Every structure is written in structure tokens, then in C-alpha cells.
Amino acid sequence: MPNLSAGKSPRDFNPIELAKGMKVEMEHTDNPRIAQQIAMDHLTENPRYYIKLAQMEDPWMPVKHIGGGAVIGFVLAKLFG
């Protein structure tokens, strides 16, 4: 796998998203440096990578965070967006 984040440091990333990413990637390795590098590569590709991953795992996540009033808009966006 190419090193997409070459030349970048952890300070170049949103610390919350990097922490989420490292937590996810630690499921695949027991080395925090490798987990950090993988997370940085994914976040270089897409700064919302782990947000999108969470939404794929739980498609109702945005509704839970926004509130029940967003259900109709969310469903319409999923169907027609």
C-alpha cells in the first residue's frame, strides 16, 4: 500500500478524527505507529473517512445525532440523494 500521507505529521490532521482512526486501525494491528500511519493515509484520502465508515456501519447515525425530526429528510436523502 502506498504511503499516501508521506511528508505529513499527526499535527496535520484533525486530532479527533485521527484518534477515531487509530482506534479503528488498532483492531488490525497491535502497533500504535502502524495504526497511526494507516489512519493518516485514510484521512489523506478523505478527511471524513472514519465518519463515513461509522455511517456505513450504522446508517441511522446522523438521525441519532440530529434528532428524530430529521428522519424524513434523512430517508428522502438516502432514497433520492
Protein backbone atom coordinates (compact mmCIF):
# COMPACT_ATOMS: atom_id res chain seq x y z
CA MET A 1 0.00 0.00 0.00
CA PRO A 2 1.45 3.39 -0.92
CA ASN A 3 2.22 5.86 1.84
CA LEU A 4 -0.40 8.50 0.97
CA SER A 5 0.47 10.66 3.95
CA ALA A 6 4.20 10.88 3.22
CA GLY A 7 5.59 14.18 4.41
CA LYS A 8 2.71 14.80 6.81
CA SER A 9 2.73 14.66 10.58
CA PRO A 10 -0.08 13.85 13.01
CA ARG A 11 -0.40 17.62 13.63
CA ASP A 12 -1.63 17.96 10.02
CA PHE A 13 -4.84 16.10 10.86
CA ASN A 14 -7.94 16.75 12.92
CA PRO A 15 -6.92 15.23 16.27
CA ILE A 16 -10.39 13.83 16.93
CA GLU A 17 -10.58 12.11 13.55
CA LEU A 18 -7.03 10.80 13.90
CA ALA A 19 -7.87 9.36 17.32
CA LYS A 20 -11.01 7.70 15.90
CA GLY A 21 -8.94 6.30 13.06
CA MET A 22 -6.25 4.94 15.32
CA LYS A 23 -8.88 3.21 17.46
CA VAL A 24 -10.37 1.57 14.36
CA GLU A 25 -6.98 0.56 12.95
CA MET A 26 -5.84 -0.93 16.28
CA GLU A 27 -8.37 -3.69 15.51
CA HIS A 28 -5.92 -4.79 12.77
CA THR A 29 -2.57 -4.31 14.50
CA ASP A 30 -1.14 -4.07 17.98
CA ASN A 31 1.38 -1.42 16.89
CA PRO A 32 0.17 2.15 17.53
CA ARG A 33 2.61 3.58 14.96
CA ILE A 34 1.23 1.37 12.21
CA ALA A 35 -2.34 2.21 13.26
CA GLN A 36 -1.49 5.92 13.16
CA GLN A 37 0.11 5.62 9.71
CA ILE A 38 -2.89 3.75 8.29
CA ALA A 39 -5.28 6.29 9.81
CA MET A 40 -3.24 9.17 8.38
CA ASP A 41 -3.27 7.53 4.94
CA HIS A 42 -7.06 7.13 5.07
CA LEU A 43 -7.55 10.70 6.29
CA THR A 44 -5.28 11.98 3.50
CA GLU A 45 -7.56 10.22 1.02
CA ASN A 46 -10.69 11.58 2.68
CA PRO A 47 -10.75 13.73 5.84
CA ARG A 48 -14.22 12.27 6.57
CA TYR A 49 -13.09 8.64 6.12
CA TYR A 50 -13.94 7.50 9.66
CA ILE A 51 -17.19 9.47 9.74
CA LYS A 52 -18.28 7.72 6.53
CA LEU A 53 -17.13 4.36 7.90
CA ALA A 54 -19.25 4.87 11.03
CA GLN A 55 -22.23 5.86 8.87
CA MET A 56 -21.85 2.69 6.77
CA GLU A 57 -21.76 0.58 9.92
CA ASP A 58 -24.78 2.44 11.38
CA PRO A 59 -26.81 4.19 8.65
CA TRP A 60 -29.10 5.81 11.23
CA MET A 61 -26.19 7.51 13.00
CA PRO A 62 -26.94 11.01 11.59
CA VAL A 63 -30.54 10.77 12.75
CA LYS A 64 -29.48 9.76 16.25
CA HIS A 65 -27.22 12.80 16.48
CA ILE A 66 -29.61 15.27 14.84
CA GLY A 67 -32.81 14.03 16.43
CA GLY A 68 -35.99 12.31 15.32
CA GLY A 69 -37.22 15.37 13.41
CA ALA A 70 -34.63 14.68 10.74
CA VAL A 71 -35.90 11.18 9.93
CA ILE A 72 -38.00 12.18 6.91
CA GLY A 73 -35.23 14.29 5.39
CA PHE A 74 -32.67 11.58 6.07
CA VAL A 75 -34.81 8.85 4.46
CA LEU A 76 -35.57 11.04 1.42
CA ALA A 77 -31.87 11.85 1.04
CA LYS A 78 -30.98 8.14 1.21
CA LEU A 79 -33.66 7.26 -1.34
CA PHE A 80 -33.21 10.14 -3.78
CA GLY A 81 -29.86 11.73 -2.85
